[in-house]
């Protein structure tokens, strides 16, 4: 599974990245987590508000930091798609 956290490096972006990495480790998911800070790459996903979460090239959320339970749900589903 390929996971990207899109954001400029603000506190919310850093929090989302930290939570995603925690969930991947806790759930034992086979995933590559990448932080994307390049504005042009972020815009290529159609994202106007950060942070944003992209799983397997699909934008799951933008402008919010979902709670850990929601992240677990999304990432479990994302790992099943592979």
PDB file of N, CA and C in Angstrom:
ATOM      1  N   UNK A   1       0.858  -1.168   0.000  1.00  0.00           N
ATOM      2  CA  UNK A   1       0.000   0.000   0.000  1.00  0.00           C
ATOM      3  C   UNK A   1       0.901   1.226   0.000  1.00  0.00           C
ATOM      4  N   UNK A   2       0.510   2.229  -0.770  1.00  0.00           N
ATOM      5  CA  UNK A   2       1.254   3.467  -0.865  1.00  0.00           C
ATOM      6  C   UNK A   2       0.438   4.566  -0.194  1.00  0.00           C
ATOM      7  N   UNK A   3       1.026   5.214   0.809  1.00  0.00           N
ATOM      8  CA  UNK A   3       0.347   6.265   1.562  1.00  0.00           C
ATOM      9  C   UNK A   3       1.145   7.550   1.428  1.00  0.00           C
ATOM     10  N   UNK A   4       0.445   8.633   1.101  1.00  0.00           N
ATOM     11  CA  UNK A   4       1.092   9.936   1.030  1.00  0.00           C
ATOM     12  C   UNK A   4       0.346  10.912   1.934  1.00  0.00           C
ATOM     13  N   UNK A   5       1.121  11.634   2.721  1.00  0.00           N
ATOM     14  CA  UNK A   5       0.582  12.725   3.522  1.00  0.00           C
ATOM     15  C   UNK A   5       1.010  14.001   2.811  1.00  0.00           C
ATOM     16  N   UNK A   6       0.028  14.766   2.343  1.00  0.00           N
ATOM     17  CA  UNK A   6       0.315  15.989   1.610  1.00  0.00           C
ATOM     18  C   UNK A   6       0.224  17.176   2.565  1.00  0.00           C
ATOM     19  N   UNK A   7       1.276  17.981   2.585  1.00  0.00           N
ATOM     20  CA  UNK A   7       1.239  19.162   3.438  1.00  0.00           C
ATOM     21  C   UNK A   7       2.545  19.915   3.450  1.00  0.00           C
ATOM     22  N   UNK A   8       2.444  21.154   3.869  1.00  0.00           N
ATOM     23  CA  UNK A   8       3.590  22.065   3.837  1.00  0.00           C
ATOM     24  C   UNK A   8       4.545  21.898   5.002  1.00  0.00           C
ATOM     25  N   UNK A   9       4.128  21.185   6.024  1.00  0.00           N
ATOM     26  CA  UNK A   9       4.975  21.038   7.206  1.00  0.00           C
ATOM     27  C   UNK A   9       4.391  21.740   8.413  1.00  0.00           C
ATOM     28  N   UNK A  10       3.141  22.141   8.333  1.00  0.00           N
ATOM     29  CA  UNK A  10       2.477  22.790   9.464  1.00  0.00           C
ATOM     30  C   UNK A  10       2.211  21.758  10.568  1.00  0.00           C
ATOM     31  N   UNK A  11       1.770  22.216  11.710  1.00  0.00           N
ATOM     32  CA  UNK A  11       1.528  21.326  12.855  1.00  0.00           C
ATOM     33  C   UNK A  11       0.502  20.239  12.516  1.00  0.00           C
ATOM     34  N   UNK A  12      -0.572  20.592  11.808  1.00  0.00           N
ATOM     35  CA  UNK A  12      -1.594  19.601  11.452  1.00  0.00           C
ATOM     36  C   UNK A  12      -1.032  18.554  10.493  1.00  0.00           C
ATOM     37  N   UNK A  13      -0.205  18.997   9.548  1.00  0.00           N
ATOM     38  CA  UNK A  13       0.400  18.073   8.589  1.00  0.00           C
ATOM     39  C   UNK A  13       1.314  17.090   9.316  1.00  0.00           C
ATOM     40  N   UNK A  14       2.104  17.610  10.241  1.00  0.00           N
ATOM     41  CA  UNK A  14       3.009  16.757  11.015  1.00  0.00           C
ATOM     42  C   UNK A  14       2.227  15.778  11.881  1.00  0.00           C
ATOM     43  N   UNK A  15       1.117  16.242  12.441  1.00  0.00           N
ATOM     44  CA  UNK A  15       0.288  15.363  13.280  1.00  0.00           C
ATOM     45  C   UNK A  15      -0.300  14.224  12.454  1.00  0.00           C
ATOM     46  N   UNK A  16      -0.805  14.550  11.262  1.00  0.00           N
ATOM     47  CA  UNK A  16      -1.371  13.504  10.411  1.00  0.00           C
ATOM     48  C   UNK A  16      -0.312  12.482  10.029  1.00  0.00           C
ATOM     49  N   UNK A  17       0.878  12.945   9.671  1.00  0.00           N
ATOM     50  CA  UNK A  17       1.948  12.017   9.323  1.00  0.00           C
ATOM     51  C   UNK A  17       2.286  11.107  10.503  1.00  0.00           C
ATOM     52  N   UNK A  18       2.385  11.696  11.689  1.00  0.00           N
ATOM     53  CA  UNK A  18       2.701  10.907  12.890  1.00  0.00           C
ATOM     54  C   UNK A  18       1.623   9.854  13.152  1.00  0.00           C
ATOM     55  N   UNK A  19       0.357  10.252  13.072  1.00  0.00           N
ATOM     56  CA  UNK A  19      -0.742   9.309  13.305  1.00  0.00           C
ATOM     57  C   UNK A  19      -0.749   8.187  12.267  1.00  0.00           C
ATOM     58  N   UNK A  20      -0.519   8.525  11.014  1.00  0.00           N
ATOM     59  CA  UNK A  20      -0.490   7.513   9.956  1.00  0.00           C
ATOM     60  C   UNK A  20       0.621   6.506  10.228  1.00  0.00           C
ATOM     61  N   UNK A  21       1.800   6.992  10.571  1.00  0.00           N
ATOM     62  CA  UNK A  21       2.919   6.087  10.859  1.00  0.00           C
ATOM     63  C   UNK A  21       2.623   5.197  12.068  1.00  0.00           C
ATOM     64  N   UNK A  22       1.965   5.758  13.091  1.00  0.00           N
ATOM     65  CA  UNK A  22       1.583   4.970  14.267  1.00  0.00           C
ATOM     66  C   UNK A  22       0.614   3.857  13.887  1.00  0.00           C
ATOM     67  N   UNK A  23      -0.390   4.190  13.096  1.00  0.00           N
ATOM     68  CA  UNK A  23      -1.392   3.202  12.686  1.00  0.00           C
ATOM     69  C   UNK A  23      -0.745   2.100  11.847  1.00  0.00           C
ATOM     70  N   UNK A  24       0.114   2.466  10.922  1.00  0.00           N
ATOM     71  CA  UNK A  24       0.794   1.472  10.081  1.00  0.00           C
ATOM     72  C   UNK A  24       1.581   0.506  10.954  1.00  0.00           C
ATOM     73  N   UNK A  25       2.295   1.045  11.948  1.00  0.00           N
ATOM     74  CA  UNK A  25       3.092   0.191  12.829  1.00  0.00           C
ATOM     75  C   UNK A  25       2.203  -0.668  13.721  1.00  0.00           C
ATOM     76  N   UNK A  26       1.206  -0.055  14.356  1.00  0.00           N
ATOM     77  CA  UNK A  26       0.309  -0.780  15.269  1.00  0.00           C
ATOM     78  C   UNK A  26      -0.452  -1.896  14.562  1.00  0.00           C
ATOM     79  N   UNK A  27      -0.863  -1.649  13.337  1.00  0.00           N
ATOM     80  CA  UNK A  27      -1.659  -2.623  12.598  1.00  0.00           C
ATOM     81  C   UNK A  27      -0.795  -3.606  11.802  1.00  0.00           C
ATOM     82  N   UNK A  28       0.511  -3.372  11.778  1.00  0.00           N
ATOM     83  CA  UNK A  28       1.411  -4.254  11.034  1.00  0.00           C
ATOM     84  C   UNK A  28       1.140  -4.237   9.541  1.00  0.00           C
ATOM     85  N   UNK A  29       0.795  -3.076   9.021  1.00  0.00           N
ATOM     86  CA  UNK A  29       0.446  -2.965   7.604  1.00  0.00           C
ATOM     87  C   UNK A  29       1.692  -2.878   6.735  1.00  0.00           C
ATOM     88  N   UNK A  30       1.636  -3.520   5.591  1.00  0.00           N
ATOM     89  CA  UNK A  30       2.716  -3.415   4.611  1.00  0.00           C
ATOM     90  C   UNK A  30       2.450  -2.149   3.812  1.00  0.00           C
ATOM     91  N   UNK A  31       3.103  -1.067   4.203  1.00  0.00           N
ATOM     92  CA  UNK A  31       2.826   0.220   3.571  1.00  0.00           C
ATOM     93  C   UNK A  31       4.084   1.060   3.494  1.00  0.00           C
ATOM     94  N   UNK A  32       4.119   1.863   2.455  1.00  0.00           N
ATOM     95  CA  UNK A  32       5.174   2.861   2.291  1.00  0.00           C
ATOM     96  C   UNK A  32       4.521   4.211   2.562  1.00  0.00           C
ATOM     97  N   UNK A  33       5.049   4.936   3.558  1.00  0.00           N
ATOM     98  CA  UNK A  33       4.502   6.239   3.921  1.00  0.00           C
ATOM     99  C   UNK A  33       5.454   7.318   3.431  1.00  0.00           C
ATOM    100  N   UNK A  34       4.890   8.285   2.720  1.00  0.00           N
ATOM    101  CA  UNK A  34       5.694   9.359   2.145  1.00  0.00           C
ATOM    102  C   UNK A  34       5.077  10.698   2.509  1.00  0.00           C
ATOM    103  N   UNK A  35       5.898  11.668   2.869  1.00  0.00           N
ATOM    104  CA  UNK A  35       5.426  13.033   3.137  1.00  0.00           C
ATOM    105  C   UNK A  35       5.712  13.854   1.880  1.00  0.00           C
ATOM    106  N   UNK A  36       4.689  14.467   1.329  1.00  0.00           N
ATOM    107  CA  UNK A  36       4.823  15.272   0.118  1.00  0.00           C
ATOM    108  C   UNK A  36       4.637  16.737   0.492  1.00  0.00           C
ATOM    109  N   UNK A  37       5.671  17.541   0.246  1.00  0.00           N
ATOM    110  CA  UNK A  37       5.609  18.961   0.586  1.00  0.00           C
ATOM    111  C   UNK A  37       5.655  19.864  -0.649  1.00  0.00           C
ATOM    112  N   UNK A  38       5.929  19.290  -1.807  1.00  0.00           N
ATOM    113  CA  UNK A  38       6.025  20.077  -3.033  1.00  0.00           C
ATOM    114  C   UNK A  38       4.639  20.597  -3.437  1.00  0.00           C
ATOM    115  N   UNK A  39       4.458  21.927  -3.484  1.00  0.00           N
ATOM    116  CA  UNK A  39       3.141  22.491  -3.808  1.00  0.00           C
ATOM    117  C   UNK A  39       2.581  22.027  -5.151  1.00  0.00           C
ATOM    118  N   UNK A  40       3.424  21.870  -6.145  1.00  0.00           N
ATOM    119  CA  UNK A  40       2.941  21.433  -7.463  1.00  0.00           C
ATOM    120  C   UNK A  40       2.421  19.994  -7.406  1.00  0.00           C
ATOM    121  N   UNK A  41       3.120  19.140  -6.675  1.00  0.00           N
ATOM    122  CA  UNK A  41       2.660  17.752  -6.540  1.00  0.00           C
ATOM    123  C   UNK A  41       1.363  17.693  -5.743  1.00  0.00           C
ATOM    124  N   UNK A  42       1.277  18.500  -4.687  1.00  0.00           N
ATOM    125  CA  UNK A  42       0.047  18.548  -3.889  1.00  0.00           C
ATOM    126  C   UNK A  42      -1.127  18.986  -4.766  1.00  0.00           C
ATOM    127  N   UNK A  43      -0.933  20.020  -5.567  1.00  0.00           N
ATOM    128  CA  UNK A  43      -2.005  20.511  -6.443  1.00  0.00           C
ATOM    129  C   UNK A  43      -2.381  19.493  -7.508  1.00  0.00           C
ATOM    130  N   UNK A  44      -1.448  18.628  -7.882  1.00  0.00           N
ATOM    131  CA  UNK A  44      -1.760  17.618  -8.906  1.00  0.00           C
ATOM    132  C   UNK A  44      -2.832  16.639  -8.434  1.00  0.00           C
ATOM    133  N   UNK A  45      -3.047  16.556  -7.120  1.00  0.00           N
ATOM    134  CA  UNK A  45      -4.099  15.695  -6.576  1.00  0.00           C
ATOM    135  C   UNK A  45      -5.434  16.436  -6.448  1.00  0.00           C
ATOM    136  N   UNK A  46      -5.443  17.712  -6.832  1.00  0.00           N
ATOM    137  CA  UNK A  46      -6.668  18.499  -6.723  1.00  0.00           C
ATOM    138  C   UNK A  46      -6.938  18.965  -5.306  1.00  0.00           C
ATOM    139  N   UNK A  47      -5.933  18.906  -4.470  1.00  0.00           N
ATOM    140  CA  UNK A  47      -6.070  19.285  -3.067  1.00  0.00           C
ATOM    141  C   UNK A  47      -5.834  20.779  -2.913  1.00  0.00           C
ATOM    142  N   UNK A  48      -6.778  21.463  -2.252  1.00  0.00           N
ATOM    143  CA  UNK A  48      -6.604  22.891  -1.999  1.00  0.00           C
ATOM    144  C   UNK A  48      -6.351  23.183  -0.519  1.00  0.00           C
ATOM    145  N   UNK A  49      -6.702  22.234   0.356  1.00  0.00           N
ATOM    146  CA  UNK A  49      -6.479  22.394   1.788  1.00  0.00           C
ATOM    147  C   UNK A  49      -5.650  21.231   2.301  1.00  0.00           C
ATOM    148  N   UNK A  50      -4.645  21.542   3.089  1.00  0.00           N
ATOM    149  CA  UNK A  50      -3.820  20.508   3.700  1.00  0.00           C
ATOM    150  C   UNK A  50      -4.068  20.522   5.201  1.00  0.00           C
ATOM    151  N   UNK A  51      -3.769  19.426   5.872  1.00  0.00           N
ATOM    152  CA  UNK A  51      -3.160  18.221   5.324  1.00  0.00           C
ATOM    153  C   UNK A  51      -4.161  17.408   4.511  1.00  0.00           C
ATOM    154  N   UNK A  52      -3.618  16.544   3.694  1.00  0.00           N
ATOM    155  CA  UNK A  52      -4.454  15.624   2.923  1.00  0.00           C
ATOM    156  C   UNK A  52      -3.826  14.235   2.996  1.00  0.00           C
ATOM    157  N   UNK A  53      -4.672  13.230   2.880  1.00  0.00           N
ATOM    158  CA  UNK A  53      -4.221  11.844   2.926  1.00  0.00           C
ATOM    159  C   UNK A  53      -4.568  11.157   1.615  1.00  0.00           C
ATOM    160  N   UNK A  54      -3.556  10.553   0.993  1.00  0.00           N
ATOM    161  CA  UNK A  54      -3.731   9.837  -0.260  1.00  0.00           C
ATOM    162  C   UNK A  54      -3.299   8.392  -0.044  1.00  0.00           C
ATOM    163  N   UNK A  55      -4.205   7.461  -0.336  1.00  0.00           N
ATOM    164  CA  UNK A  55      -3.895   6.039  -0.201  1.00  0.00           C
ATOM    165  C   UNK A  55      -4.083   5.386  -1.564  1.00  0.00           C
ATOM    166  N   UNK A  56      -3.017   4.762  -2.040  1.00  0.00           N
ATOM    167  CA  UNK A  56      -3.041   4.130  -3.361  1.00  0.00           C
ATOM    168  C   UNK A  56      -3.572   5.088  -4.430  1.00  0.00           C
ATOM    169  N   UNK A  57      -3.075   6.327  -4.377  1.00  0.00           N
ATOM    170  CA  UNK A  57      -3.375   7.392  -5.338  1.00  0.00           C
ATOM    171  C   UNK A  57      -4.815   7.903  -5.272  1.00  0.00           C
ATOM    172  N   UNK A  58      -5.541   7.610  -4.184  1.00  0.00           N
ATOM    173  CA  UNK A  58      -6.894   8.126  -4.000  1.00  0.00           C
ATOM    174  C   UNK A  58      -6.905   9.061  -2.791  1.00  0.00           C
ATOM    175  N   UNK A  59      -7.385  10.294  -2.981  1.00  0.00           N
ATOM    176  CA  UNK A  59      -7.469  11.254  -1.882  1.00  0.00           C
ATOM    177  C   UNK A  59      -8.610  10.840  -0.959  1.00  0.00           C
ATOM    178  N   UNK A  60      -8.272  10.579   0.311  1.00  0.00           N
ATOM    179  CA  UNK A  60      -9.283  10.163   1.276  1.00  0.00           C
ATOM    180  C   UNK A  60      -9.806  11.319   2.112  1.00  0.00           C
ATOM    181  N   UNK A  61      -8.970  12.325   2.361  1.00  0.00           N
ATOM    182  CA  UNK A  61      -9.428  13.492   3.106  1.00  0.00           C
ATOM    183  C   UNK A  61      -8.515  14.668   2.816  1.00  0.00           C
ATOM    184  N   UNK A  62      -9.047  15.847   3.062  1.00  0.00           N
ATOM    185  CA  UNK A  62      -8.290  17.079   2.820  1.00  0.00           C
ATOM    186  C   UNK A  62      -8.760  18.133   3.803  1.00  0.00           C
ATOM    187  N   UNK A  63      -7.795  18.837   4.418  1.00  0.00           N
ATOM    188  CA  UNK A  63      -8.124  19.927   5.315  1.00  0.00           C
ATOM    189  C   UNK A  63      -8.463  19.524   6.732  1.00  0.00           C
ATOM    190  N   UNK A  64      -8.357  18.241   7.045  1.00  0.00           N
ATOM    191  CA  UNK A  64      -8.665  17.758   8.401  1.00  0.00           C
ATOM    192  C   UNK A  64      -7.607  16.745   8.848  1.00  0.00           C
ATOM    193  N   UNK A  65      -7.583  16.526  10.158  1.00  0.00           N
ATOM    194  CA  UNK A  65      -6.787  15.437  10.716  1.00  0.00           C
ATOM    195  C   UNK A  65      -7.797  14.464  11.322  1.00  0.00           C
ATOM    196  N   UNK A  66      -8.064  13.357  10.620  1.00  0.00           N
ATOM    197  CA  UNK A  66      -9.040  12.400  11.150  1.00  0.00           C
ATOM    198  C   UNK A  66      -8.509  11.753  12.423  1.00  0.00           C
ATOM    199  N   UNK A  67      -9.430  11.252  13.246  1.00  0.00           N
ATOM    200  CA  UNK A  67      -8.980  10.588  14.465  1.00  0.00           C
ATOM    201  C   UNK A  67      -8.354   9.236  14.123  1.00  0.00           C
ATOM    202  N   UNK A  68      -7.660   8.682  15.099  1.00  0.00           N
ATOM    203  CA  UNK A  68      -6.901   7.452  14.885  1.00  0.00           C
ATOM    204  C   UNK A  68      -7.812   6.285  14.484  1.00  0.00           C
ATOM    205  N   UNK A  69      -9.003   6.227  15.040  1.00  0.00           N
ATOM    206  CA  UNK A  69      -9.937   5.159  14.702  1.00  0.00           C
ATOM    207  C   UNK A  69     -10.331   5.197  13.231  1.00  0.00           C
ATOM    208  N   UNK A  70     -10.584   6.395  12.723  1.00  0.00           N
ATOM    209  CA  UNK A  70     -10.951   6.552  11.314  1.00  0.00           C
ATOM    210  C   UNK A  70      -9.773   6.176  10.420  1.00  0.00           C
ATOM    211  N   UNK A  71      -8.565   6.600  10.811  1.00  0.00           N
ATOM    212  CA  UNK A  71      -7.372   6.237  10.038  1.00  0.00           C
ATOM    213  C   UNK A  71      -7.207   4.726   9.971  1.00  0.00           C
ATOM    214  N   UNK A  72      -7.395   4.047  11.102  1.00  0.00           N
ATOM    215  CA  UNK A  72      -7.274   2.581  11.118  1.00  0.00           C
ATOM    216  C   UNK A  72      -8.266   1.955  10.150  1.00  0.00           C
ATOM    217  N   UNK A  73      -9.500   2.453  10.180  1.00  0.00           N
ATOM    218  CA  UNK A  73     -10.539   1.930   9.279  1.00  0.00           C
ATOM    219  C   UNK A  73     -10.127   2.117   7.821  1.00  0.00           C
ATOM    220  N   UNK A  74      -9.712   3.315   7.456  1.00  0.00           N
ATOM    221  CA  UNK A  74      -9.329   3.608   6.076  1.00  0.00           C
ATOM    222  C   UNK A  74      -8.123   2.781   5.638  1.00  0.00           C
ATOM    223  N   UNK A  75      -7.111   2.695   6.499  1.00  0.00           N
ATOM    224  CA  UNK A  75      -5.885   2.004   6.105  1.00  0.00           C
ATOM    225  C   UNK A  75      -6.076   0.489   6.055  1.00  0.00           C
ATOM    226  N   UNK A  76      -6.927  -0.048   6.906  1.00  0.00           N
ATOM    227  CA  UNK A  76      -7.256  -1.478   6.798  1.00  0.00           C
ATOM    228  C   UNK A  76      -7.913  -1.758   5.452  1.00  0.00           C
ATOM    229  N   UNK A  77      -8.861  -0.908   5.071  1.00  0.00           N
ATOM    230  CA  UNK A  77      -9.536  -1.073   3.779  1.00  0.00           C
ATOM    231  C   UNK A  77      -8.548  -0.916   2.637  1.00  0.00           C
ATOM    232  N   UNK A  78      -7.658   0.047   2.745  1.00  0.00           N
ATOM    233  CA  UNK A  78      -6.650   0.275   1.714  1.00  0.00           C
ATOM    234  C   UNK A  78      -5.723  -0.900   1.545  1.00  0.00           C
ATOM    235  N   UNK A  79      -5.409  -1.579   2.646  1.00  0.00           N
ATOM    236  CA  UNK A  79      -4.525  -2.730   2.562  1.00  0.00           C
ATOM    237  C   UNK A  79      -5.224  -3.932   1.944  1.00  0.00           C
ATOM    238  N   UNK A  80      -6.552  -3.987   2.042  1.00  0.00           N
ATOM    239  CA  UNK A  80      -7.314  -5.088   1.446  1.00  0.00           C
ATOM    240  C   UNK A  80      -7.402  -4.963  -0.074  1.00  0.00           C
ATOM    241  N   UNK A  81      -7.282  -3.735  -0.567  1.00  0.00           N
ATOM    242  CA  UNK A  81      -7.428  -3.476  -1.999  1.00  0.00           C
ATOM    243  C   UNK A  81      -6.247  -4.045  -2.778  1.00  0.00           C
ATOM    244  N   UNK A  82      -5.085  -4.078  -2.172  1.00  0.00           N
ATOM    245  CA  UNK A  82      -3.873  -4.514  -2.864  1.00  0.00           C
ATOM    246  C   UNK A  82      -3.976  -5.920  -3.394  1.00  0.00           C
TER     247      UNK A  82
END
